Amino acid sequence: MKLKNVLIVVKDIERSRRFYHDLFGLDMILDNDGNMILTEGLVLQDEKIWSDFLGQDILPRNNACELFFEEADIESFVEKLEKYYPEVQYVNRLMTHSWGQQVVRFYDPDGNLIEVGTPMGKK
């Protein structure tokens, strides 16, 4: 068995597709009208469809999970983030942990938590 996808709930799939493409270079693989699969296994699910399926309200910014992206040139990434999405809500701006890793944490337009950090150790 292997993990195939991670699904996040969004209000506006097209806006979210642009956000993840602009910042992370993710491209659409499949659009199933309310369920969109992007490269790297990220799935965008329309909030109304997901809420109807679960029979419950969606809780944005619940801080229960995060998407983690690795980026060696994190300063350039932060410049791109500030240029394309100056309204982004930060959890923390670019910082350096005691172990030397640089990270920035912020929310996507729908309150999904994202962390971008520099690589740790050798691959």
PDB file of N, CA and C in Angstrom:
ATOM      1  N   MET A   1       0.842  -1.171   0.000  1.00  0.00           N
ATOM      2  CA  MET A   1       0.000   0.000   0.000  1.00  0.00           C
ATOM      3  C   MET A   1       0.889   1.236   0.000  1.00  0.00           C
ATOM      4  N   LYS A   2       0.418   2.289  -0.675  1.00  0.00           N
ATOM      5  CA  LYS A   2       1.151   3.554  -0.648  1.00  0.00           C
ATOM      6  C   LYS A   2       0.180   4.720  -0.652  1.00  0.00           C
ATOM      7  N   LEU A   3       0.603   5.796  -0.018  1.00  0.00           N
ATOM      8  CA  LEU A   3      -0.194   7.022   0.004  1.00  0.00           C
ATOM      9  C   LEU A   3      -0.155   7.644  -1.386  1.00  0.00           C
ATOM     10  N   LYS A   4      -1.319   7.920  -1.941  1.00  0.00           N
ATOM     11  CA  LYS A   4      -1.396   8.456  -3.297  1.00  0.00           C
ATOM     12  C   LYS A   4      -1.620   9.958  -3.341  1.00  0.00           C
ATOM     13  N   ASN A   5      -2.465  10.492  -2.472  1.00  0.00           N
ATOM     14  CA  ASN A   5      -2.822  11.896  -2.548  1.00  0.00           C
ATOM     15  C   ASN A   5      -3.065  12.469  -1.164  1.00  0.00           C
ATOM     16  N   VAL A   6      -2.997  13.780  -1.103  1.00  0.00           N
ATOM     17  CA  VAL A   6      -3.421  14.545   0.063  1.00  0.00           C
ATOM     18  C   VAL A   6      -4.475  15.517  -0.438  1.00  0.00           C
ATOM     19  N   LEU A   7      -5.638  15.530   0.208  1.00  0.00           N
ATOM     20  CA  LEU A   7      -6.758  16.357  -0.217  1.00  0.00           C
ATOM     21  C   LEU A   7      -6.914  17.525   0.741  1.00  0.00           C
ATOM     22  N   ILE A   8      -7.064  18.711   0.177  1.00  0.00           N
ATOM     23  CA  ILE A   8      -7.380  19.888   0.977  1.00  0.00           C
ATOM     24  C   ILE A   8      -8.671  20.505   0.442  1.00  0.00           C
ATOM     25  N   VAL A   9      -9.416  21.127   1.335  1.00  0.00           N
ATOM     26  CA  VAL A   9     -10.701  21.723   0.988  1.00  0.00           C
ATOM     27  C   VAL A   9     -10.500  23.199   0.677  1.00  0.00           C
ATOM     28  N   VAL A  10     -11.107  23.644  -0.426  1.00  0.00           N
ATOM     29  CA  VAL A  10     -10.958  25.029  -0.881  1.00  0.00           C
ATOM     30  C   VAL A  10     -12.319  25.592  -1.305  1.00  0.00           C
ATOM     31  N   LYS A  11     -12.464  26.906  -1.193  1.00  0.00           N
ATOM     32  CA  LYS A  11     -13.709  27.571  -1.594  1.00  0.00           C
ATOM     33  C   LYS A  11     -13.775  27.806  -3.098  1.00  0.00           C
ATOM     34  N   ASP A  12     -12.626  28.104  -3.719  1.00  0.00           N
ATOM     35  CA  ASP A  12     -12.560  28.459  -5.129  1.00  0.00           C
ATOM     36  C   ASP A  12     -11.410  27.671  -5.758  1.00  0.00           C
ATOM     37  N   ILE A  13     -11.763  26.609  -6.437  1.00  0.00           N
ATOM     38  CA  ILE A  13     -10.735  25.700  -6.983  1.00  0.00           C
ATOM     39  C   ILE A  13      -9.805  26.424  -7.952  1.00  0.00           C
ATOM     40  N   GLU A  14     -10.335  27.264  -8.801  1.00  0.00           N
ATOM     41  CA  GLU A  14      -9.491  27.956  -9.781  1.00  0.00           C
ATOM     42  C   GLU A  14      -8.505  28.888  -9.076  1.00  0.00           C
ATOM     43  N   ARG A  15      -8.953  29.618  -8.085  1.00  0.00           N
ATOM     44  CA  ARG A  15      -8.043  30.492  -7.322  1.00  0.00           C
ATOM     45  C   ARG A  15      -6.949  29.655  -6.652  1.00  0.00           C
ATOM     46  N   SER A  16      -7.325  28.534  -6.087  1.00  0.00           N
ATOM     47  CA  SER A  16      -6.351  27.664  -5.424  1.00  0.00           C
ATOM     48  C   SER A  16      -5.397  27.024  -6.422  1.00  0.00           C
ATOM     49  N   ARG A  17      -5.910  26.642  -7.589  1.00  0.00           N
ATOM     50  CA  ARG A  17      -5.030  26.084  -8.626  1.00  0.00           C
ATOM     51  C   ARG A  17      -3.954  27.094  -8.991  1.00  0.00           C
ATOM     52  N   ARG A  18      -4.349  28.363  -9.179  1.00  0.00           N
ATOM     53  CA  ARG A  18      -3.377  29.415  -9.511  1.00  0.00           C
ATOM     54  C   ARG A  18      -2.370  29.607  -8.376  1.00  0.00           C
ATOM     55  N   PHE A  19      -2.860  29.634  -7.143  1.00  0.00           N
ATOM     56  CA  PHE A  19      -1.992  29.818  -5.973  1.00  0.00           C
ATOM     57  C   PHE A  19      -0.905  28.733  -5.929  1.00  0.00           C
ATOM     58  N   TYR A  20      -1.299  27.486  -6.040  1.00  0.00           N
ATOM     59  CA  TYR A  20      -0.331  26.386  -5.954  1.00  0.00           C
ATOM     60  C   TYR A  20       0.550  26.295  -7.192  1.00  0.00           C
ATOM     61  N   HIS A  21       0.049  26.767  -8.317  1.00  0.00           N
ATOM     62  CA  HIS A  21       0.898  26.830  -9.508  1.00  0.00           C
ATOM     63  C   HIS A  21       1.910  27.977  -9.387  1.00  0.00           C
ATOM     64  N   ASP A  22       1.425  29.165  -9.030  1.00  0.00           N
ATOM     65  CA  ASP A  22       2.298  30.343  -8.930  1.00  0.00           C
ATOM     66  C   ASP A  22       3.443  30.125  -7.948  1.00  0.00           C
ATOM     67  N   LEU A  23       3.142  29.580  -6.790  1.00  0.00           N
ATOM     68  CA  LEU A  23       4.150  29.463  -5.736  1.00  0.00           C
ATOM     69  C   LEU A  23       4.970  28.183  -5.792  1.00  0.00           C
ATOM     70  N   PHE A  24       4.348  27.071  -6.172  1.00  0.00           N
ATOM     71  CA  PHE A  24       5.019  25.777  -6.059  1.00  0.00           C
ATOM     72  C   PHE A  24       5.190  25.051  -7.398  1.00  0.00           C
ATOM     73  N   GLY A  25       4.678  25.639  -8.478  1.00  0.00           N
ATOM     74  CA  GLY A  25       4.836  25.025  -9.790  1.00  0.00           C
ATOM     75  C   GLY A  25       3.985  23.789 -10.014  1.00  0.00           C
ATOM     76  N   LEU A  26       2.946  23.603  -9.198  1.00  0.00           N
ATOM     77  CA  LEU A  26       2.086  22.435  -9.365  1.00  0.00           C
ATOM     78  C   LEU A  26       1.135  22.662 -10.539  1.00  0.00           C
ATOM     79  N   ASP A  27       0.980  21.640 -11.336  1.00  0.00           N
ATOM     80  CA  ASP A  27       0.114  21.714 -12.509  1.00  0.00           C
ATOM     81  C   ASP A  27      -1.081  20.786 -12.338  1.00  0.00           C
ATOM     82  N   MET A  28      -2.164  21.114 -13.018  1.00  0.00           N
ATOM     83  CA  MET A  28      -3.366  20.287 -12.977  1.00  0.00           C
ATOM     84  C   MET A  28      -3.144  19.022 -13.798  1.00  0.00           C
ATOM     85  N   ILE A  29      -3.511  17.900 -13.217  1.00  0.00           N
ATOM     86  CA  ILE A  29      -3.487  16.617 -13.920  1.00  0.00           C
ATOM     87  C   ILE A  29      -4.885  16.259 -14.388  1.00  0.00           C
ATOM     88  N   LEU A  30      -5.875  16.471 -13.497  1.00  0.00           N
ATOM     89  CA  LEU A  30      -7.243  16.070 -13.792  1.00  0.00           C
ATOM     90  C   LEU A  30      -8.207  17.022 -13.098  1.00  0.00           C
ATOM     91  N   ASP A  31      -9.241  17.442 -13.820  1.00  0.00           N
ATOM     92  CA  ASP A  31     -10.281  18.299 -13.250  1.00  0.00           C
ATOM     93  C   ASP A  31     -11.599  17.544 -13.330  1.00  0.00           C
ATOM     94  N   ASN A  32     -12.113  17.141 -12.164  1.00  0.00           N
ATOM     95  CA  ASN A  32     -13.370  16.390 -12.108  1.00  0.00           C
ATOM     96  C   ASN A  32     -14.509  17.243 -11.582  1.00  0.00           C
ATOM     97  N   ASP A  33     -14.548  18.513 -11.985  1.00  0.00           N
ATOM     98  CA  ASP A  33     -15.654  19.401 -11.612  1.00  0.00           C
ATOM     99  C   ASP A  33     -15.910  19.383 -10.106  1.00  0.00           C
ATOM    100  N   GLY A  34     -15.033  20.031  -9.386  1.00  0.00           N
ATOM    101  CA  GLY A  34     -15.155  20.099  -7.935  1.00  0.00           C
ATOM    102  C   GLY A  34     -14.105  19.295  -7.209  1.00  0.00           C
ATOM    103  N   ASN A  35     -13.319  18.546  -7.957  1.00  0.00           N
ATOM    104  CA  ASN A  35     -12.237  17.738  -7.411  1.00  0.00           C
ATOM    105  C   ASN A  35     -11.103  17.790  -8.431  1.00  0.00           C
ATOM    106  N   MET A  36     -10.007  18.460  -8.074  1.00  0.00           N
ATOM    107  CA  MET A  36      -8.916  18.679  -9.020  1.00  0.00           C
ATOM    108  C   MET A  36      -7.625  18.068  -8.476  1.00  0.00           C
ATOM    109  N   ILE A  37      -6.998  17.221  -9.282  1.00  0.00           N
ATOM    110  CA  ILE A  37      -5.732  16.609  -8.897  1.00  0.00           C
ATOM    111  C   ILE A  37      -4.598  17.418  -9.522  1.00  0.00           C
ATOM    112  N   LEU A  38      -3.645  17.809  -8.676  1.00  0.00           N
ATOM    113  CA  LEU A  38      -2.453  18.527  -9.114  1.00  0.00           C
ATOM    114  C   LEU A  38      -1.245  17.594  -9.046  1.00  0.00           C
ATOM    115  N   THR A  39      -0.166  18.006  -9.693  1.00  0.00           N
ATOM    116  CA  THR A  39       1.069  17.238  -9.605  1.00  0.00           C
ATOM    117  C   THR A  39       1.522  17.182  -8.149  1.00  0.00           C
ATOM    118  N   GLU A  40       2.373  16.256  -7.847  1.00  0.00           N
ATOM    119  CA  GLU A  40       2.895  16.001  -6.492  1.00  0.00           C
ATOM    120  C   GLU A  40       1.838  15.423  -5.560  1.00  0.00           C
ATOM    121  N   GLY A  41       0.663  15.052  -6.106  1.00  0.00           N
ATOM    122  CA  GLY A  41      -0.339  14.363  -5.302  1.00  0.00           C
ATOM    123  C   GLY A  41      -1.267  15.239  -4.492  1.00  0.00           C
ATOM    124  N   LEU A  42      -1.292  16.533  -4.773  1.00  0.00           N
ATOM    125  CA  LEU A  42      -2.197  17.420  -4.049  1.00  0.00           C
ATOM    126  C   LEU A  42      -3.552  17.451  -4.749  1.00  0.00           C
ATOM    127  N   VAL A  43      -4.619  17.256  -3.982  1.00  0.00           N
ATOM    128  CA  VAL A  43      -5.982  17.284  -4.519  1.00  0.00           C
ATOM    129  C   VAL A  43      -6.725  18.458  -3.893  1.00  0.00           C
ATOM    130  N   LEU A  44      -7.360  19.241  -4.736  1.00  0.00           N
ATOM    131  CA  LEU A  44      -8.205  20.347  -4.289  1.00  0.00           C
ATOM    132  C   LEU A  44      -9.654  19.891  -4.371  1.00  0.00           C
ATOM    133  N   GLN A  45     -10.373  20.023  -3.267  1.00  0.00           N
ATOM    134  CA  GLN A  45     -11.773  19.603  -3.206  1.00  0.00           C
ATOM    135  C   GLN A  45     -12.652  20.804  -2.894  1.00  0.00           C
ATOM    136  N   ASP A  46     -13.690  21.005  -3.690  1.00  0.00           N
ATOM    137  CA  ASP A  46     -14.632  22.092  -3.467  1.00  0.00           C
ATOM    138  C   ASP A  46     -15.262  21.966  -2.081  1.00  0.00           C
ATOM    139  N   GLU A  47     -15.258  23.072  -1.338  1.00  0.00           N
ATOM    140  CA  GLU A  47     -15.759  23.085   0.035  1.00  0.00           C
ATOM    141  C   GLU A  47     -17.199  22.597   0.141  1.00  0.00           C
ATOM    142  N   LYS A  48     -18.073  23.046  -0.757  1.00  0.00           N
ATOM    143  CA  LYS A  48     -19.483  22.654  -0.682  1.00  0.00           C
ATOM    144  C   LYS A  48     -19.649  21.153  -0.884  1.00  0.00           C
ATOM    145  N   ILE A  49     -18.947  20.593  -1.845  1.00  0.00           N
ATOM    146  CA  ILE A  49     -19.033  19.148  -2.093  1.00  0.00           C
ATOM    147  C   ILE A  49     -18.555  18.378  -0.867  1.00  0.00           C
ATOM    148  N   TRP A  50     -17.435  18.812  -0.297  1.00  0.00           N
ATOM    149  CA  TRP A  50     -16.854  18.120   0.857  1.00  0.00           C
ATOM    150  C   TRP A  50     -17.784  18.230   2.068  1.00  0.00           C
ATOM    151  N   SER A  51     -18.323  19.407   2.298  1.00  0.00           N
ATOM    152  CA  SER A  51     -19.235  19.629   3.422  1.00  0.00           C
ATOM    153  C   SER A  51     -20.489  18.775   3.273  1.00  0.00           C
ATOM    154  N   ASP A  52     -21.038  18.717   2.056  1.00  0.00           N
ATOM    155  CA  ASP A  52     -22.216  17.888   1.800  1.00  0.00           C
ATOM    156  C   ASP A  52     -21.893  16.411   2.022  1.00  0.00           C
ATOM    157  N   PHE A  53     -20.727  15.980   1.577  1.00  0.00           N
ATOM    158  CA  PHE A  53     -20.311  14.585   1.717  1.00  0.00           C
ATOM    159  C   PHE A  53     -20.179  14.194   3.188  1.00  0.00           C
ATOM    160  N   LEU A  54     -19.546  15.069   3.973  1.00  0.00           N
ATOM    161  CA  LEU A  54     -19.335  14.775   5.394  1.00  0.00           C
ATOM    162  C   LEU A  54     -20.562  15.065   6.254  1.00  0.00           C
ATOM    163  N   GLY A  55     -21.419  15.957   5.776  1.00  0.00           N
ATOM    164  CA  GLY A  55     -22.552  16.374   6.573  1.00  0.00           C
ATOM    165  C   GLY A  55     -22.134  17.246   7.745  1.00  0.00           C
ATOM    166  N   GLN A  56     -21.011  17.944   7.582  1.00  0.00           N
ATOM    167  CA  GLN A  56     -20.477  18.800   8.642  1.00  0.00           C
ATOM    168  C   GLN A  56     -19.901  20.069   8.029  1.00  0.00           C
ATOM    169  N   ASP A  57     -19.767  21.088   8.869  1.00  0.00           N
ATOM    170  CA  ASP A  57     -19.130  22.325   8.430  1.00  0.00           C
ATOM    171  C   ASP A  57     -17.620  22.136   8.324  1.00  0.00           C
ATOM    172  N   ILE A  58     -17.013  22.920   7.458  1.00  0.00           N
ATOM    173  CA  ILE A  58     -15.560  22.929   7.293  1.00  0.00           C
ATOM    174  C   ILE A  58     -14.988  23.962   8.263  1.00  0.00           C
ATOM    175  N   LEU A  59     -13.898  23.643   8.903  1.00  0.00           N
ATOM    176  CA  LEU A  59     -13.264  24.537   9.862  1.00  0.00           C
ATOM    177  C   LEU A  59     -11.920  25.026   9.323  1.00  0.00           C
ATOM    178  N   PRO A  60     -11.917  26.169   8.610  1.00  0.00           N
ATOM    179  CA  PRO A  60     -10.643  26.676   8.099  1.00  0.00           C
ATOM    180  C   PRO A  60      -9.729  27.100   9.248  1.00  0.00           C
ATOM    181  N   ARG A  61      -8.440  27.092   8.979  1.00  0.00           N
ATOM    182  CA  ARG A  61      -7.418  27.455   9.971  1.00  0.00           C
ATOM    183  C   ARG A  61      -7.550  26.641  11.249  1.00  0.00           C
ATOM    184  N   ASN A  62      -7.807  25.355  11.091  1.00  0.00           N
ATOM    185  CA  ASN A  62      -7.929  24.508  12.279  1.00  0.00           C
ATOM    186  C   ASN A  62      -6.563  24.065  12.809  1.00  0.00           C
ATOM    187  N   ASN A  63      -5.515  24.327  12.054  1.00  0.00           N
ATOM    188  CA  ASN A  63      -4.141  24.038  12.481  1.00  0.00           C
ATOM    189  C   ASN A  63      -3.935  22.577  12.867  1.00  0.00           C
ATOM    190  N   ALA A  64      -4.684  21.683  12.249  1.00  0.00           N
ATOM    191  CA  ALA A  64      -4.568  20.266  12.556  1.00  0.00           C
ATOM    192  C   ALA A  64      -3.553  19.554  11.670  1.00  0.00           C
ATOM    193  N   CYS A  65      -3.140  20.195  10.583  1.00  0.00           N
ATOM    194  CA  CYS A  65      -2.147  19.601   9.693  1.00  0.00           C
ATOM    195  C   CYS A  65      -1.514  20.717   8.866  1.00  0.00           C
ATOM    196  N   GLU A  66      -0.446  20.387   8.163  1.00  0.00           N
ATOM    197  CA  GLU A  66       0.174  21.368   7.270  1.00  0.00           C
ATOM    198  C   GLU A  66       0.730  20.661   6.052  1.00  0.00           C
ATOM    199  N   LEU A  67       0.843  21.416   4.977  1.00  0.00           N
ATOM    200  CA  LEU A  67       1.551  20.959   3.789  1.00  0.00           C
ATOM    201  C   LEU A  67       2.980  21.467   3.929  1.00  0.00           C
ATOM    202  N   PHE A  68       3.955  20.589   3.742  1.00  0.00           N
ATOM    203  CA  PHE A  68       5.360  20.981   3.859  1.00  0.00           C
ATOM    204  C   PHE A  68       6.030  20.895   2.501  1.00  0.00           C
ATOM    205  N   PHE A  69       6.665  21.990   2.116  1.00  0.00           N
ATOM    206  CA  PHE A  69       7.430  22.044   0.878  1.00  0.00           C
ATOM    207  C   PHE A  69       8.879  22.354   1.232  1.00  0.00           C
ATOM    208  N   GLU A  70       9.796  21.758   0.484  1.00  0.00           N
ATOM    209  CA  GLU A  70      11.214  21.996   0.706  1.00  0.00           C
ATOM    210  C   GLU A  70      11.736  22.898  -0.401  1.00  0.00           C
ATOM    211  N   GLU A  71      12.533  23.898  -0.023  1.00  0.00           N
ATOM    212  CA  GLU A  71      13.082  24.860  -0.993  1.00  0.00           C
ATOM    213  C   GLU A  71      14.465  25.316  -0.534  1.00  0.00           C
ATOM    214  N   ALA A  72      15.470  25.026  -1.342  1.00  0.00           N
ATOM    215  CA  ALA A  72      16.844  25.414  -0.994  1.00  0.00           C
ATOM    216  C   ALA A  72      17.015  26.937  -1.027  1.00  0.00           C
ATOM    217  N   ASP A  73      16.423  27.592  -2.035  1.00  0.00           N
ATOM    218  CA  ASP A  73      16.556  29.045  -2.169  1.00  0.00           C
ATOM    219  C   ASP A  73      15.341  29.721  -1.535  1.00  0.00           C
ATOM    220  N   ILE A  74      15.272  29.640  -0.232  1.00  0.00           N
ATOM    221  CA  ILE A  74      14.070  30.092   0.480  1.00  0.00           C
ATOM    222  C   ILE A  74      13.887  31.604   0.418  1.00  0.00           C
ATOM    223  N   GLU A  75      14.979  32.358   0.348  1.00  0.00           N
ATOM    224  CA  GLU A  75      14.838  33.820   0.245  1.00  0.00           C
ATOM    225  C   GLU A  75      14.115  34.201  -1.040  1.00  0.00           C
ATOM    226  N   SER A  76      14.461  33.549  -2.145  1.00  0.00           N
ATOM    227  CA  SER A  76      13.773  33.818  -3.414  1.00  0.00           C
ATOM    228  C   SER A  76      12.309  33.408  -3.341  1.00  0.00           C
ATOM    229  N   PHE A  77      12.038  32.294  -2.657  1.00  0.00           N
ATOM    230  CA  PHE A  77      10.651  31.870  -2.501  1.00  0.00           C
ATOM    231  C   PHE A  77       9.854  32.929  -1.740  1.00  0.00           C
ATOM    232  N   VAL A  78      10.406  33.443  -0.649  1.00  0.00           N
ATOM    233  CA  VAL A  78       9.704  34.451   0.151  1.00  0.00           C
ATOM    234  C   VAL A  78       9.469  35.716  -0.670  1.00  0.00           C
ATOM    235  N   GLU A  79      10.426  36.093  -1.498  1.00  0.00           N
ATOM    236  CA  GLU A  79      10.235  37.255  -2.387  1.00  0.00           C
ATOM    237  C   GLU A  79       9.073  37.005  -3.342  1.00  0.00           C
ATOM    238  N   LYS A  80       9.011  35.793  -3.911  1.00  0.00           N
ATOM    239  CA  LYS A  80       7.923  35.446  -4.830  1.00  0.00           C
ATOM    240  C   LYS A  80       6.581  35.447  -4.094  1.00  0.00           C
ATOM    241  N   LEU A  81       6.553  34.893  -2.885  1.00  0.00           N
ATOM    242  CA  LEU A  81       5.338  34.882  -2.078  1.00  0.00           C
ATOM    243  C   LEU A  81       4.845  36.300  -1.825  1.00  0.00           C
ATOM    244  N   GLU A  82       5.747  37.184  -1.440  1.00  0.00           N
ATOM    245  CA  GLU A  82       5.367  38.572  -1.140  1.00  0.00           C
ATOM    246  C   GLU A  82       4.956  39.332  -2.396  1.00  0.00           C
ATOM    247  N   LYS A  83       5.555  38.991  -3.529  1.00  0.00           N
ATOM    248  CA  LYS A  83       5.211  39.659  -4.793  1.00  0.00           C
ATOM    249  C   LYS A  83       3.827  39.231  -5.286  1.00  0.00           C
ATOM    250  N   TYR A  84       3.578  37.907  -5.337  1.00  0.00           N
ATOM    251  CA  TYR A  84       2.325  37.395  -5.888  1.00  0.00           C
ATOM    252  C   TYR A  84       1.162  37.446  -4.901  1.00  0.00           C
ATOM    253  N   TYR A  85       1.464  37.274  -3.614  1.00  0.00           N
ATOM    254  CA  TYR A  85       0.406  37.190  -2.604  1.00  0.00           C
ATOM    255  C   TYR A  85       0.756  38.027  -1.376  1.00  0.00           C
ATOM    256  N   PRO A  86       0.797  39.357  -1.545  1.00  0.00           N
ATOM    257  CA  PRO A  86       1.166  40.224  -0.419  1.00  0.00           C
ATOM    258  C   PRO A  86       0.167  40.169   0.736  1.00  0.00           C
ATOM    259  N   GLU A  87      -1.048  39.707   0.462  1.00  0.00           N
ATOM    260  CA  GLU A  87      -2.081  39.643   1.491  1.00  0.00           C
ATOM    261  C   GLU A  87      -2.014  38.357   2.319  1.00  0.00           C
ATOM    262  N   VAL A  88      -1.062  37.477   2.035  1.00  0.00           N
ATOM    263  CA  VAL A  88      -0.971  36.190   2.723  1.00  0.00           C
ATOM    264  C   VAL A  88      -0.879  36.392   4.241  1.00  0.00           C
ATOM    265  N   GLN A  89      -1.534  35.500   4.966  1.00  0.00           N
ATOM    266  CA  GLN A  89      -1.528  35.538   6.429  1.00  0.00           C
ATOM    267  C   GLN A  89      -0.423  34.613   6.932  1.00  0.00           C
ATOM    268  N   TYR A  90       0.538  35.181   7.643  1.00  0.00           N
ATOM    269  CA  TYR A  90       1.672  34.409   8.150  1.00  0.00           C
ATOM    270  C   TYR A  90       1.388  33.836   9.533  1.00  0.00           C
ATOM    271  N   VAL A  91       1.920  32.665   9.778  1.00  0.00           N
ATOM    272  CA  VAL A  91       2.041  32.123  11.125  1.00  0.00           C
ATOM    273  C   VAL A  91       3.382  32.611  11.669  1.00  0.00           C
ATOM    274  N   ASN A  92       4.420  32.452  10.855  1.00  0.00           N
ATOM    275  CA  ASN A  92       5.709  33.068  11.155  1.00  0.00           C
ATOM    276  C   ASN A  92       6.403  33.410   9.843  1.00  0.00           C
ATOM    277  N   ARG A  93       6.987  34.581   9.830  1.00  0.00           N
ATOM    278  CA  ARG A  93       7.798  34.977   8.674  1.00  0.00           C
ATOM    279  C   ARG A  93       9.091  34.177   8.703  1.00  0.00           C
ATOM    280  N   LEU A  94       9.920  34.364   7.708  1.00  0.00           N
ATOM    281  CA  LEU A  94      11.150  33.582   7.588  1.00  0.00           C
ATOM    282  C   LEU A  94      11.944  33.644   8.888  1.00  0.00           C
ATOM    283  N   MET A  95      12.260  32.471   9.411  1.00  0.00           N
ATOM    284  CA  MET A  95      13.012  32.356  10.665  1.00  0.00           C
ATOM    285  C   MET A  95      13.987  31.191  10.550  1.00  0.00           C
ATOM    286  N   THR A  96      14.917  31.135  11.461  1.00  0.00           N
ATOM    287  CA  THR A  96      15.883  30.040  11.496  1.00  0.00           C
ATOM    288  C   THR A  96      15.743  29.300  12.821  1.00  0.00           C
ATOM    289  N   HIS A  97      15.497  27.990  12.728  1.00  0.00           N
ATOM    290  CA  HIS A  97      15.417  27.151  13.930  1.00  0.00           C
ATOM    291  C   HIS A  97      16.810  26.972  14.531  1.00  0.00           C
ATOM    292  N   SER A  98      16.860  26.542  15.775  1.00  0.00           N
ATOM    293  CA  SER A  98      18.140  26.338  16.461  1.00  0.00           C
ATOM    294  C   SER A  98      19.016  25.303  15.751  1.00  0.00           C
ATOM    295  N   TRP A  99      18.413  24.393  14.978  1.00  0.00           N
ATOM    296  CA  TRP A  99      19.178  23.382  14.251  1.00  0.00           C
ATOM    297  C   TRP A  99      19.605  23.854  12.859  1.00  0.00           C
ATOM    298  N   GLY A 100      19.312  25.121  12.542  1.00  0.00           N
ATOM    299  CA  GLY A 100      19.812  25.717  11.313  1.00  0.00           C
ATOM    300  C   GLY A 100      18.847  25.756  10.139  1.00  0.00           C
ATOM    301  N   GLN A 101      17.737  25.082  10.229  1.00  0.00           N
ATOM    302  CA  GLN A 101      16.768  25.083   9.121  1.00  0.00           C
ATOM    303  C   GLN A 101      15.996  26.397   9.111  1.00  0.00           C
ATOM    304  N   GLN A 102      15.875  26.974   7.907  1.00  0.00           N
ATOM    305  CA  GLN A 102      15.065  28.182   7.729  1.00  0.00           C
ATOM    306  C   GLN A 102      13.671  27.766   7.288  1.00  0.00           C
ATOM    307  N   VAL A 103      12.645  28.401   7.870  1.00  0.00           N
ATOM    308  CA  VAL A 103      11.258  28.072   7.534  1.00  0.00           C
ATOM    309  C   VAL A 103      10.397  29.326   7.528  1.00  0.00           C
ATOM    310  N   VAL A 104       9.340  29.256   6.757  1.00  0.00           N
ATOM    311  CA  VAL A 104       8.283  30.258   6.769  1.00  0.00           C
ATOM    312  C   VAL A 104       6.969  29.476   6.789  1.00  0.00           C
ATOM    313  N   ARG A 105       6.009  29.951   7.585  1.00  0.00           N
ATOM    314  CA  ARG A 105       4.695  29.295   7.661  1.00  0.00           C
ATOM    315  C   ARG A 105       3.616  30.335   7.393  1.00  0.00           C
ATOM    316  N   PHE A 106       2.624  29.912   6.609  1.00  0.00           N
ATOM    317  CA  PHE A 106       1.540  30.816   6.232  1.00  0.00           C
ATOM    318  C   PHE A 106       0.338  29.991   5.828  1.00  0.00           C
ATOM    319  N   TYR A 107      -0.800  30.681   5.655  1.00  0.00           N
ATOM    320  CA  TYR A 107      -2.027  30.018   5.231  1.00  0.00           C
ATOM    321  C   TYR A 107      -2.274  30.269   3.751  1.00  0.00           C
ATOM    322  N   ASP A 108      -2.809  29.250   3.088  1.00  0.00           N
ATOM    323  CA  ASP A 108      -3.271  29.470   1.721  1.00  0.00           C
ATOM    324  C   ASP A 108      -4.567  30.272   1.799  1.00  0.00           C
ATOM    325  N   PRO A 109      -5.149  30.650   0.658  1.00  0.00           N
ATOM    326  CA  PRO A 109      -6.356  31.498   0.696  1.00  0.00           C
ATOM    327  C   PRO A 109      -7.543  30.888   1.453  1.00  0.00           C
ATOM    328  N   ASP A 110      -7.501  29.578   1.717  1.00  0.00           N
ATOM    329  CA  ASP A 110      -8.606  28.912   2.396  1.00  0.00           C
ATOM    330  C   ASP A 110      -8.272  28.483   3.818  1.00  0.00           C
ATOM    331  N   GLY A 111      -7.131  28.939   4.329  1.00  0.00           N
ATOM    332  CA  GLY A 111      -6.783  28.629   5.706  1.00  0.00           C
ATOM    333  C   GLY A 111      -6.053  27.316   5.908  1.00  0.00           C
ATOM    334  N   ASN A 112      -5.584  26.698   4.816  1.00  0.00           N
ATOM    335  CA  ASN A 112      -4.762  25.499   4.938  1.00  0.00           C
ATOM    336  C   ASN A 112      -3.337  25.933   5.263  1.00  0.00           C
ATOM    337  N   LEU A 113      -2.744  25.357   6.298  1.00  0.00           N
ATOM    338  CA  LEU A 113      -1.423  25.740   6.768  1.00  0.00           C
ATOM    339  C   LEU A 113      -0.340  25.168   5.865  1.00  0.00           C
ATOM    340  N   ILE A 114       0.623  26.015   5.507  1.00  0.00           N
ATOM    341  CA  ILE A 114       1.745  25.630   4.648  1.00  0.00           C
ATOM    342  C   ILE A 114       3.034  26.000   5.351  1.00  0.00           C
ATOM    343  N   GLU A 115       4.002  25.107   5.284  1.00  0.00           N
ATOM    344  CA  GLU A 115       5.359  25.398   5.736  1.00  0.00           C
ATOM    345  C   GLU A 115       6.297  25.183   4.567  1.00  0.00           C
ATOM    346  N   VAL A 116       7.209  26.123   4.364  1.00  0.00           N
ATOM    347  CA  VAL A 116       8.276  25.956   3.390  1.00  0.00           C
ATOM    348  C   VAL A 116       9.568  26.055   4.164  1.00  0.00           C
ATOM    349  N   GLY A 117      10.412  25.046   3.985  1.00  0.00           N
ATOM    350  CA  GLY A 117      11.665  25.009   4.721  1.00  0.00           C
ATOM    351  C   GLY A 117      12.826  24.588   3.849  1.00  0.00           C
ATOM    352  N   THR A 118      14.004  24.943   4.304  1.00  0.00           N
ATOM    353  CA  THR A 118      15.215  24.524   3.596  1.00  0.00           C
ATOM    354  C   THR A 118      15.461  23.043   3.880  1.00  0.00           C
ATOM    355  N   PRO A 119      16.136  22.354   2.958  1.00  0.00           N
ATOM    356  CA  PRO A 119      16.401  20.925   3.148  1.00  0.00           C
ATOM    357  C   PRO A 119      17.265  20.686   4.400  1.00  0.00           C
ATOM    358  N   MET A 120      17.037  19.551   5.011  1.00  0.00           N
ATOM    359  CA  MET A 120      17.815  19.143   6.168  1.00  0.00           C
ATOM    360  C   MET A 120      18.675  17.939   5.787  1.00  0.00           C
ATOM    361  N   GLY A 121      19.969  18.045   5.999  1.00  0.00           N
ATOM    362  CA  GLY A 121      20.864  16.921   5.756  1.00  0.00           C
ATOM    363  C   GLY A 121      20.976  16.536   4.302  1.00  0.00           C
ATOM    364  N   LYS A 122      21.664  15.414   4.068  1.00  0.00           N
ATOM    365  CA  LYS A 122      21.873  14.925   2.699  1.00  0.00           C
ATOM    366  C   LYS A 122      20.749  14.006   2.293  1.00  0.00           C
ATOM    367  N   LYS A 123      20.513  13.987   1.004  1.00  0.00           N
ATOM    368  CA  LYS A 123      19.457  13.117   0.443  1.00  0.00           C
ATOM    369  C   LYS A 123      20.041  11.776   0.073  1.00  0.00           C
TER     370      LYS A 123
END
